[in-house]
Amino acid sequence: MRSRKWVQIVSTFFHNGYLGFLNTSQIYNGFLKNFCAPGLNCHSCPSALFCCPLGMIQNFNISLRVLPLTSLIGPFFYLLSFFLFFGLTLGRFICGWLCPFGFFQELLYRIPFYKNSSNFKGQDFFKISLTLLFVFILPILIISELGYGILWFCKFFCPAGTLEAGYFNLFFQPFLFKNIGYVFYLKTLLLLMIILLCIINFRFFCKTACPLGLIYGYFNRISIVKLTLEEKRCPFCKICEKVCPMRISLPEKLDSKECIRCLICLKVCPYKAIKLKISHL
């Protein structure tokens, strides 16, 4: 859908609307950095206006060990309200329309190369395990030699951070090259692997590893904006399943947590059995 592409472009620039770094070579740390962006976009990207919700979750979990609970009440309710608001209103509609790294993956998939559209066995288990371990468990349990925890997902895994913060900051601040260590080289290798797999398989990172998409996905069935099926109209011709880029079993799993609400199934359905529904609270 052409309109979706334009929304993705606008959203990418909305997430990364700070141009002051061109003069200062510094990341933005103004008022807007107190708020989370809805999509996956690195806090330390030179042009990023907002912070990353996954980084916020990790920082909160780290703080559980070092700060009094009274000082964590505000951050807790902010994170809770953030995910309830975006989850209950849009669910993974954010992934399909607003996420900059999701848009980047779709651009990669357009590169002419070998394609494998099938999903991978165990991808759901891997994504859940990665999220629990790197976003929640390790930041809470392990404290560094400095007496503070580590943003495990950001430091050791996140490909968006490697690309947007790592390489963009190196480009604008070459003196940072002297600080490169083995972790950066390992993350570079991981980024290259993910890029290759995203060229081969549509939104590979979304399907197999994105914690943010996993969280939003659990809201798909109860979000205000959702896809519904008029079963009386549907002959189960499976045309929708054939065009689904996420390879979801359609129309049976129309509200699957893997659905990014790209609306391609709605557009191609010859019987108009799939509807975009906006519920009322």
C-alpha atoms as a PDB file:
ATOM      1  CA  MET A   1       0.000   0.000   0.000  1.00  0.00           C
ATOM      2  CA  ARG A   2       1.483   3.283  -1.139  1.00  0.00           C
ATOM      3  CA  SER A   3      -0.093   5.239   1.720  1.00  0.00           C
ATOM      4  CA  ARG A   4       1.634   2.961   4.240  1.00  0.00           C
ATOM      5  CA  LYS A   5       5.025   3.703   2.715  1.00  0.00           C
ATOM      6  CA  TRP A   6       4.446   7.424   3.036  1.00  0.00           C
ATOM      7  CA  VAL A   7       3.363   7.041   6.663  1.00  0.00           C
ATOM      8  CA  GLN A   8       6.512   4.993   7.331  1.00  0.00           C
ATOM      9  CA  ILE A   9       8.698   7.675   5.761  1.00  0.00           C
ATOM     10  CA  VAL A  10       7.048  10.464   7.756  1.00  0.00           C
ATOM     11  CA  SER A  11       7.274   8.424  10.969  1.00  0.00           C
ATOM     12  CA  THR A  12      10.980   7.732  10.400  1.00  0.00           C
ATOM     13  CA  PHE A  13      11.651  11.461  10.090  1.00  0.00           C
ATOM     14  CA  PHE A  14       9.418  12.134  13.108  1.00  0.00           C
ATOM     15  CA  HIS A  15      11.477   9.722  15.206  1.00  0.00           C
ATOM     16  CA  ASN A  16      14.697  11.270  13.870  1.00  0.00           C
ATOM     17  CA  GLY A  17      13.845  14.924  13.474  1.00  0.00           C
ATOM     18  CA  TYR A  18      16.817  16.486  15.251  1.00  0.00           C
ATOM     19  CA  LEU A  19      19.167  18.136  12.752  1.00  0.00           C
ATOM     20  CA  GLY A  20      21.269  20.018  15.268  1.00  0.00           C
ATOM     21  CA  PHE A  21      23.793  17.171  15.302  1.00  0.00           C
ATOM     22  CA  LEU A  22      24.992  18.343  11.876  1.00  0.00           C
ATOM     23  CA  ASN A  23      26.511  21.376  13.609  1.00  0.00           C
ATOM     24  CA  THR A  24      27.342  19.978  17.034  1.00  0.00           C
ATOM     25  CA  SER A  25      27.989  16.273  16.269  1.00  0.00           C
ATOM     26  CA  GLN A  26      26.186  15.614  19.560  1.00  0.00           C
ATOM     27  CA  ILE A  27      23.025  13.632  20.200  1.00  0.00           C
ATOM     28  CA  TYR A  28      19.858  15.421  21.242  1.00  0.00           C
ATOM     29  CA  ASN A  29      19.257  15.511  25.023  1.00  0.00           C
ATOM     30  CA  GLY A  30      16.433  18.019  25.187  1.00  0.00           C
ATOM     31  CA  PHE A  31      12.934  17.861  26.618  1.00  0.00           C
ATOM     32  CA  LEU A  32      11.576  15.283  24.146  1.00  0.00           C
ATOM     33  CA  LYS A  33      14.155  12.713  25.282  1.00  0.00           C
ATOM     34  CA  ASN A  34      12.031  12.316  28.406  1.00  0.00           C
ATOM     35  CA  PHE A  35       9.473  10.478  26.270  1.00  0.00           C
ATOM     36  CA  CYS A  36       9.570   7.118  24.502  1.00  0.00           C
ATOM     37  CA  ALA A  37       9.189   6.757  20.768  1.00  0.00           C
ATOM     38  CA  PRO A  38       6.511   4.247  19.716  1.00  0.00           C
ATOM     39  CA  GLY A  39       8.799   2.403  17.289  1.00  0.00           C
ATOM     40  CA  LEU A  40      12.238   0.811  17.605  1.00  0.00           C
ATOM     41  CA  ASN A  41      14.681   3.700  17.231  1.00  0.00           C
ATOM     42  CA  CYS A  42      17.917   4.052  19.185  1.00  0.00           C
ATOM     43  CA  HIS A  43      18.084   6.703  21.904  1.00  0.00           C
ATOM     44  CA  SER A  44      21.719   7.436  20.989  1.00  0.00           C
ATOM     45  CA  CYS A  45      21.155   7.978  17.286  1.00  0.00           C
ATOM     46  CA  PRO A  46      22.463  11.529  16.556  1.00  0.00           C
ATOM     47  CA  SER A  47      19.121  12.595  15.091  1.00  0.00           C
ATOM     48  CA  ALA A  48      16.784  10.796  17.532  1.00  0.00           C
ATOM     49  CA  LEU A  49      14.256  13.031  19.291  1.00  0.00           C
ATOM     50  CA  PHE A  50      12.907  10.419  21.708  1.00  0.00           C
ATOM     51  CA  CYS A  51      14.238   7.639  23.886  1.00  0.00           C
ATOM     52  CA  CYS A  52      13.798   3.941  23.174  1.00  0.00           C
ATOM     53  CA  PRO A  53      11.097   2.146  25.215  1.00  0.00           C
ATOM     54  CA  LEU A  54      13.272  -0.971  25.449  1.00  0.00           C
ATOM     55  CA  GLY A  55      16.109   1.118  26.847  1.00  0.00           C
ATOM     56  CA  MET A  56      13.695   2.635  29.356  1.00  0.00           C
ATOM     57  CA  ILE A  57      12.546  -0.820  30.489  1.00  0.00           C
ATOM     58  CA  GLN A  58      16.145  -1.950  30.964  1.00  0.00           C
ATOM     59  CA  ASN A  59      17.052   1.219  32.871  1.00  0.00           C
ATOM     60  CA  PHE A  60      14.049   0.702  35.126  1.00  0.00           C
ATOM     61  CA  ASN A  61      15.018  -2.919  35.797  1.00  0.00           C
ATOM     62  CA  ILE A  62      18.592  -1.878  36.558  1.00  0.00           C
ATOM     63  CA  SER A  63      17.334   0.770  38.988  1.00  0.00           C
ATOM     64  CA  LEU A  64      15.418  -1.824  41.000  1.00  0.00           C
ATOM     65  CA  ARG A  65      18.718  -2.868  42.579  1.00  0.00           C
ATOM     66  CA  VAL A  66      20.165   0.557  43.301  1.00  0.00           C
ATOM     67  CA  LEU A  67      17.342   3.040  43.903  1.00  0.00           C
ATOM     68  CA  PRO A  68      14.614   3.191  46.565  1.00  0.00           C
ATOM     69  CA  LEU A  69      11.224   2.020  45.391  1.00  0.00           C
ATOM     70  CA  THR A  70       9.673   5.408  46.103  1.00  0.00           C
ATOM     71  CA  SER A  71      11.810   6.986  43.385  1.00  0.00           C
ATOM     72  CA  LEU A  72      10.698   4.352  40.864  1.00  0.00           C
ATOM     73  CA  ILE A  73       6.957   4.927  41.163  1.00  0.00           C
ATOM     74  CA  GLY A  74       6.939   7.678  38.529  1.00  0.00           C
ATOM     75  CA  PRO A  75       8.985   5.731  35.926  1.00  0.00           C
ATOM     76  CA  PHE A  76       6.900   2.604  36.559  1.00  0.00           C
ATOM     77  CA  PHE A  77       3.600   4.345  35.891  1.00  0.00           C
ATOM     78  CA  TYR A  78       5.056   6.148  32.880  1.00  0.00           C
ATOM     79  CA  LEU A  79       6.167   2.866  31.284  1.00  0.00           C
ATOM     80  CA  LEU A  80       2.889   1.187  32.209  1.00  0.00           C
ATOM     81  CA  SER A  81       0.818   4.005  30.728  1.00  0.00           C
ATOM     82  CA  PHE A  82       3.028   4.147  27.610  1.00  0.00           C
ATOM     83  CA  PHE A  83       2.542   0.485  26.726  1.00  0.00           C
ATOM     84  CA  LEU A  84      -1.112   0.463  27.713  1.00  0.00           C
ATOM     85  CA  PHE A  85      -1.797   3.516  25.551  1.00  0.00           C
ATOM     86  CA  PHE A  86       0.027   2.366  22.410  1.00  0.00           C
ATOM     87  CA  GLY A  87      -0.785  -1.299  22.939  1.00  0.00           C
ATOM     88  CA  LEU A  88      -4.504  -0.836  23.554  1.00  0.00           C
ATOM     89  CA  THR A  89      -4.936   1.749  20.784  1.00  0.00           C
ATOM     90  CA  LEU A  90      -2.748   0.360  17.987  1.00  0.00           C
ATOM     91  CA  GLY A  91      -1.060  -2.919  18.951  1.00  0.00           C
ATOM     92  CA  ARG A  92       1.327  -4.007  16.204  1.00  0.00           C
ATOM     93  CA  PHE A  93      -0.139  -1.415  13.896  1.00  0.00           C
ATOM     94  CA  ILE A  94       2.908   0.495  15.190  1.00  0.00           C
ATOM     95  CA  CYS A  95       5.211  -2.168  13.749  1.00  0.00           C
ATOM     96  CA  GLY A  96       3.620  -2.069  10.323  1.00  0.00           C
ATOM     97  CA  TRP A  97       3.197   1.679   9.964  1.00  0.00           C
ATOM     98  CA  LEU A  98       5.336   3.632  12.454  1.00  0.00           C
ATOM     99  CA  CYS A  99       8.503   1.682  13.296  1.00  0.00           C
ATOM    100  CA  PRO A 100      11.675   3.076  11.635  1.00  0.00           C
ATOM    101  CA  PHE A 101      13.614  -0.182  11.944  1.00  0.00           C
ATOM    102  CA  GLY A 102      10.679  -2.120  10.552  1.00  0.00           C
ATOM    103  CA  PHE A 103      10.658   0.237   7.564  1.00  0.00           C
ATOM    104  CA  PHE A 104      14.416  -0.291   7.167  1.00  0.00           C
ATOM    105  CA  GLN A 105      13.870  -4.051   7.033  1.00  0.00           C
ATOM    106  CA  GLU A 106      11.252  -3.668   4.313  1.00  0.00           C
ATOM    107  CA  LEU A 107      13.679  -1.610   2.236  1.00  0.00           C
ATOM    108  CA  LEU A 108      16.274  -4.356   2.653  1.00  0.00           C
ATOM    109  CA  TYR A 109      13.799  -6.980   1.455  1.00  0.00           C
ATOM    110  CA  ARG A 110      13.358  -5.066  -1.806  1.00  0.00           C
ATOM    111  CA  ILE A 111      16.993  -5.783  -2.726  1.00  0.00           C
ATOM    112  CA  PRO A 112      17.061  -8.413  -5.506  1.00  0.00           C
ATOM    113  CA  PHE A 113      18.433 -11.573  -3.931  1.00  0.00           C
ATOM    114  CA  TYR A 114      17.472 -15.107  -2.944  1.00  0.00           C
ATOM    115  CA  LYS A 115      14.179 -15.096  -1.005  1.00  0.00           C
ATOM    116  CA  ASN A 116      12.846 -17.557   1.556  1.00  0.00           C
ATOM    117  CA  SER A 117       9.404 -16.559   2.748  1.00  0.00           C
ATOM    118  CA  SER A 118       8.894 -19.329   5.296  1.00  0.00           C
ATOM    119  CA  ASN A 119       8.920 -18.745   9.025  1.00  0.00           C
ATOM    120  CA  PHE A 120      11.542 -20.361  11.212  1.00  0.00           C
ATOM    121  CA  LYS A 121      10.858 -23.133  13.692  1.00  0.00           C
ATOM    122  CA  GLY A 122      11.142 -21.944  17.239  1.00  0.00           C
ATOM    123  CA  GLN A 123      11.141 -18.254  16.342  1.00  0.00           C
ATOM    124  CA  ASP A 124       8.469 -17.432  18.903  1.00  0.00           C
ATOM    125  CA  PHE A 125      10.360 -19.272  21.643  1.00  0.00           C
ATOM    126  CA  PHE A 126      13.594 -17.506  20.709  1.00  0.00           C
ATOM    127  CA  LYS A 127      11.970 -14.064  20.748  1.00  0.00           C
ATOM    128  CA  ILE A 128      10.335 -14.625  24.131  1.00  0.00           C
ATOM    129  CA  SER A 129      13.548 -16.050  25.617  1.00  0.00           C
ATOM    130  CA  LEU A 130      15.645 -13.182  24.256  1.00  0.00           C
ATOM    131  CA  THR A 131      13.235 -10.603  25.649  1.00  0.00           C
ATOM    132  CA  LEU A 132      13.023 -12.160  29.105  1.00  0.00           C
ATOM    133  CA  LEU A 133      16.778 -12.678  29.370  1.00  0.00           C
ATOM    134  CA  PHE A 134      18.228  -9.497  27.850  1.00  0.00           C
ATOM    135  CA  VAL A 135      15.523  -6.952  28.674  1.00  0.00           C
ATOM    136  CA  PHE A 136      14.382  -8.163  32.104  1.00  0.00           C
ATOM    137  CA  ILE A 137      16.415 -10.848  33.864  1.00  0.00           C
ATOM    138  CA  LEU A 138      20.045  -9.861  33.231  1.00  0.00           C
ATOM    139  CA  PRO A 139      19.551  -6.109  33.856  1.00  0.00           C
ATOM    140  CA  ILE A 140      17.959  -6.947  37.213  1.00  0.00           C
ATOM    141  CA  LEU A 141      20.341  -9.666  38.381  1.00  0.00           C
ATOM    142  CA  ILE A 142      23.812  -8.629  37.230  1.00  0.00           C
ATOM    143  CA  ILE A 143      25.637  -5.549  38.456  1.00  0.00           C
ATOM    144  CA  SER A 144      28.820  -4.313  36.773  1.00  0.00           C
ATOM    145  CA  GLU A 145      32.087  -3.511  38.557  1.00  0.00           C
ATOM    146  CA  LEU A 146      30.880   0.097  38.734  1.00  0.00           C
ATOM    147  CA  GLY A 147      27.959  -0.953  40.916  1.00  0.00           C
ATOM    148  CA  TYR A 148      25.334  -0.424  38.255  1.00  0.00           C
ATOM    149  CA  GLY A 149      23.638  -2.749  35.811  1.00  0.00           C
ATOM    150  CA  ILE A 150      24.064  -3.084  32.045  1.00  0.00           C
ATOM    151  CA  LEU A 151      21.579  -2.468  29.251  1.00  0.00           C
ATOM    152  CA  TRP A 152      22.100  -5.980  27.959  1.00  0.00           C
ATOM    153  CA  PHE A 153      19.861  -5.855  24.910  1.00  0.00           C
ATOM    154  CA  CYS A 154      21.178  -2.455  23.831  1.00  0.00           C
ATOM    155  CA  LYS A 155      24.835  -3.258  24.445  1.00  0.00           C
ATOM    156  CA  PHE A 156      25.093  -6.797  23.138  1.00  0.00           C
ATOM    157  CA  PHE A 157      22.280  -7.378  20.666  1.00  0.00           C
ATOM    158  CA  CYS A 158      20.197  -4.502  19.288  1.00  0.00           C
ATOM    159  CA  PRO A 159      20.954  -4.082  15.549  1.00  0.00           C
ATOM    160  CA  ALA A 160      19.138  -0.736  15.462  1.00  0.00           C
ATOM    161  CA  GLY A 161      21.540   0.597  18.084  1.00  0.00           C
ATOM    162  CA  THR A 162      24.594  -0.682  16.221  1.00  0.00           C
ATOM    163  CA  LEU A 163      23.493   0.966  13.000  1.00  0.00           C
ATOM    164  CA  GLU A 164      21.907   4.190  14.224  1.00  0.00           C
ATOM    165  CA  ALA A 165      24.091   4.968  17.228  1.00  0.00           C
ATOM    166  CA  GLY A 166      27.278   3.029  16.577  1.00  0.00           C
ATOM    167  CA  TYR A 167      28.060   3.805  12.970  1.00  0.00           C
ATOM    168  CA  PHE A 168      26.339   7.169  12.686  1.00  0.00           C
ATOM    169  CA  ASN A 169      28.198   8.478  15.730  1.00  0.00           C
ATOM    170  CA  LEU A 170      31.483   7.126  14.393  1.00  0.00           C
ATOM    171  CA  PHE A 171      30.847   8.946  11.130  1.00  0.00           C
ATOM    172  CA  PHE A 172      30.229  12.288  12.815  1.00  0.00           C
ATOM    173  CA  GLN A 173      32.730  11.804  15.643  1.00  0.00           C
ATOM    174  CA  PRO A 174      35.734   9.888  14.203  1.00  0.00           C
ATOM    175  CA  PHE A 175      37.690  10.206  17.469  1.00  0.00           C
ATOM    176  CA  LEU A 176      35.383   7.523  18.884  1.00  0.00           C
ATOM    177  CA  PHE A 177      37.205   4.901  16.798  1.00  0.00           C
ATOM    178  CA  LYS A 178      39.826   4.649  19.535  1.00  0.00           C
ATOM    179  CA  ASN A 179      37.137   3.390  21.931  1.00  0.00           C
ATOM    180  CA  ILE A 180      36.018   0.476  19.762  1.00  0.00           C
ATOM    181  CA  GLY A 181      36.296  -2.907  21.436  1.00  0.00           C
ATOM    182  CA  TYR A 182      35.445  -6.525  20.704  1.00  0.00           C
ATOM    183  CA  VAL A 183      31.776  -6.033  21.647  1.00  0.00           C
ATOM    184  CA  PHE A 184      31.365  -3.547  18.795  1.00  0.00           C
ATOM    185  CA  TYR A 185      32.916  -5.979  16.311  1.00  0.00           C
ATOM    186  CA  LEU A 186      30.646  -8.774  17.512  1.00  0.00           C
ATOM    187  CA  LYS A 187      27.598  -6.504  17.197  1.00  0.00           C
ATOM    188  CA  THR A 188      28.742  -5.509  13.715  1.00  0.00           C
ATOM    189  CA  LEU A 189      28.873  -9.170  12.734  1.00  0.00           C
ATOM    190  CA  LEU A 190      25.409  -9.672  14.213  1.00  0.00           C
ATOM    191  CA  LEU A 191      24.095  -6.608  12.358  1.00  0.00           C
ATOM    192  CA  LEU A 192      25.478  -7.904   9.047  1.00  0.00           C
ATOM    193  CA  MET A 193      23.880 -11.302   9.657  1.00  0.00           C
ATOM    194  CA  ILE A 194      20.522  -9.692  10.443  1.00  0.00           C
ATOM    195  CA  ILE A 195      20.749  -7.453   7.367  1.00  0.00           C
ATOM    196  CA  LEU A 196      21.435 -10.478   5.168  1.00  0.00           C
ATOM    197  CA  LEU A 197      18.569 -12.424   6.705  1.00  0.00           C
ATOM    198  CA  CYS A 198      16.236  -9.427   6.275  1.00  0.00           C
ATOM    199  CA  ILE A 199      17.165  -9.316   2.582  1.00  0.00           C
ATOM    200  CA  ILE A 200      16.229 -12.988   2.321  1.00  0.00           C
ATOM    201  CA  ASN A 201      13.228 -13.100   4.648  1.00  0.00           C
ATOM    202  CA  PHE A 202      10.671 -10.307   5.087  1.00  0.00           C
ATOM    203  CA  ARG A 203      11.185  -8.530   8.437  1.00  0.00           C
ATOM    204  CA  PHE A 204      13.347 -11.312   9.828  1.00  0.00           C
ATOM    205  CA  PHE A 205      14.225  -9.322  12.956  1.00  0.00           C
ATOM    206  CA  CYS A 206      10.553  -8.533  13.652  1.00  0.00           C
ATOM    207  CA  LYS A 207       9.625 -12.186  13.365  1.00  0.00           C
ATOM    208  CA  THR A 208      12.405 -13.679  15.421  1.00  0.00           C
ATOM    209  CA  ALA A 209      13.972 -11.200  17.822  1.00  0.00           C
ATOM    210  CA  CYS A 210      12.220  -7.856  18.397  1.00  0.00           C
ATOM    211  CA  PRO A 211      11.132  -7.468  22.052  1.00  0.00           C
ATOM    212  CA  LEU A 212       9.094  -4.361  21.266  1.00  0.00           C
ATOM    213  CA  GLY A 213       7.080  -6.163  18.602  1.00  0.00           C
ATOM    214  CA  LEU A 214       6.578  -9.059  21.010  1.00  0.00           C
ATOM    215  CA  ILE A 215       5.102  -6.749  23.654  1.00  0.00           C
ATOM    216  CA  TYR A 216       2.839  -4.938  21.178  1.00  0.00           C
ATOM    217  CA  GLY A 217       1.770  -8.275  19.712  1.00  0.00           C
ATOM    218  CA  TYR A 218       0.102  -9.368  22.929  1.00  0.00           C
ATOM    219  CA  PHE A 219      -2.235  -6.385  22.579  1.00  0.00           C
ATOM    220  CA  ASN A 220      -3.373  -7.258  19.040  1.00  0.00           C
ATOM    221  CA  ARG A 221      -6.525  -9.068  20.110  1.00  0.00           C
ATOM    222  CA  ILE A 222      -7.684  -6.299  22.434  1.00  0.00           C
ATOM    223  CA  SER A 223      -6.432  -3.153  20.688  1.00  0.00           C
ATOM    224  CA  ILE A 224      -8.888  -0.525  19.504  1.00  0.00           C
ATOM    225  CA  VAL A 225      -7.594  -0.738  15.928  1.00  0.00           C
ATOM    226  CA  LYS A 226      -7.824  -4.327  14.729  1.00  0.00           C
ATOM    227  CA  LEU A 227      -8.698  -6.551  11.790  1.00  0.00           C
ATOM    228  CA  THR A 228     -11.902  -8.550  11.936  1.00  0.00           C
ATOM    229  CA  LEU A 229     -13.408 -11.261   9.727  1.00  0.00           C
ATOM    230  CA  GLU A 230     -16.975 -11.415   8.486  1.00  0.00           C
ATOM    231  CA  GLU A 231     -17.218 -15.188   8.329  1.00  0.00           C
ATOM    232  CA  LYS A 232     -20.454 -15.178   6.326  1.00  0.00           C
ATOM    233  CA  ARG A 233     -18.626 -13.505   3.454  1.00  0.00           C
ATOM    234  CA  CYS A 234     -15.440 -15.559   3.688  1.00  0.00           C
ATOM    235  CA  PRO A 235     -15.201 -18.742   1.555  1.00  0.00           C
ATOM    236  CA  PHE A 236     -11.718 -19.436   2.983  1.00  0.00           C
ATOM    237  CA  CYS A 237     -10.111 -19.106  -0.429  1.00  0.00           C
ATOM    238  CA  LYS A 238      -6.740 -18.409   1.266  1.00  0.00           C
ATOM    239  CA  ILE A 239      -5.861 -15.507  -1.034  1.00  0.00           C
ATOM    240  CA  CYS A 240      -5.137 -13.444   2.079  1.00  0.00           C
ATOM    241  CA  GLU A 241      -2.723 -16.074   3.363  1.00  0.00           C
ATOM    242  CA  LYS A 242      -0.834 -16.170   0.076  1.00  0.00           C
ATOM    243  CA  VAL A 243      -0.120 -12.424   0.153  1.00  0.00           C
ATOM    244  CA  CYS A 244       0.593 -12.093   3.898  1.00  0.00           C
ATOM    245  CA  PRO A 245       4.238 -10.970   4.196  1.00  0.00           C
ATOM    246  CA  MET A 246       4.436 -12.287   7.781  1.00  0.00           C
ATOM    247  CA  ARG A 247       3.255 -15.735   6.629  1.00  0.00           C
ATOM    248  CA  ILE A 248       0.403 -15.968   9.127  1.00  0.00           C
ATOM    249  CA  SER A 249      -2.253 -18.657   8.740  1.00  0.00           C
ATOM    250  CA  LEU A 250      -5.153 -16.600   7.439  1.00  0.00           C
ATOM    251  CA  PRO A 251      -7.969 -15.980   7.933  1.00  0.00           C
ATOM    252  CA  GLU A 252      -7.939 -18.293  10.972  1.00  0.00           C
ATOM    253  CA  LYS A 253      -5.292 -16.240  12.835  1.00  0.00           C
ATOM    254  CA  LEU A 254      -6.297 -12.791  11.676  1.00  0.00           C
ATOM    255  CA  ASP A 255      -5.614 -11.390  15.156  1.00  0.00           C
ATOM    256  CA  SER A 256      -2.283 -13.181  15.563  1.00  0.00           C
ATOM    257  CA  LYS A 257       0.354 -11.447  17.666  1.00  0.00           C
ATOM    258  CA  GLU A 258       2.633 -11.640  14.615  1.00  0.00           C
ATOM    259  CA  CYS A 259       0.290  -9.508  12.485  1.00  0.00           C
ATOM    260  CA  ILE A 260       1.815  -6.072  11.818  1.00  0.00           C
ATOM    261  CA  ARG A 261      -1.467  -4.679  10.417  1.00  0.00           C
ATOM    262  CA  CYS A 262       0.012  -3.942   6.984  1.00  0.00           C
ATOM    263  CA  LEU A 263      -3.560  -4.322   5.607  1.00  0.00           C
ATOM    264  CA  ILE A 264      -2.458  -6.154   2.460  1.00  0.00           C
ATOM    265  CA  CYS A 265      -4.923  -8.952   3.226  1.00  0.00           C
ATOM    266  CA  LEU A 266      -7.735  -6.421   3.534  1.00  0.00           C
ATOM    267  CA  LYS A 267      -6.811  -4.845   0.209  1.00  0.00           C
ATOM    268  CA  VAL A 268      -6.694  -8.081  -1.809  1.00  0.00           C
ATOM    269  CA  CYS A 269      -9.711  -9.872  -0.323  1.00  0.00           C
ATOM    270  CA  PRO A 270     -12.141 -10.219  -3.266  1.00  0.00           C
ATOM    271  CA  TYR A 271     -15.082 -10.851  -0.935  1.00  0.00           C
ATOM    272  CA  LYS A 272     -14.469  -7.839   1.346  1.00  0.00           C
ATOM    273  CA  ALA A 273     -14.613 -10.210   4.307  1.00  0.00           C
ATOM    274  CA  ILE A 274     -11.702  -8.594   6.155  1.00  0.00           C
ATOM    275  CA  LYS A 275     -12.479  -5.294   7.828  1.00  0.00           C
ATOM    276  CA  LEU A 276     -10.455  -2.724   9.706  1.00  0.00           C
ATOM    277  CA  LYS A 277     -12.382  -2.132  12.906  1.00  0.00           C
ATOM    278  CA  ILE A 278     -11.986   0.763  15.307  1.00  0.00           C
ATOM    279  CA  SER A 279     -13.601  -0.137  18.586  1.00  0.00           C
ATOM    280  CA  HIS A 280     -14.785   2.247  21.268  1.00  0.00           C
ATOM    281  CA  LEU A 281     -13.450   2.147  24.809  1.00  0.00           C
END
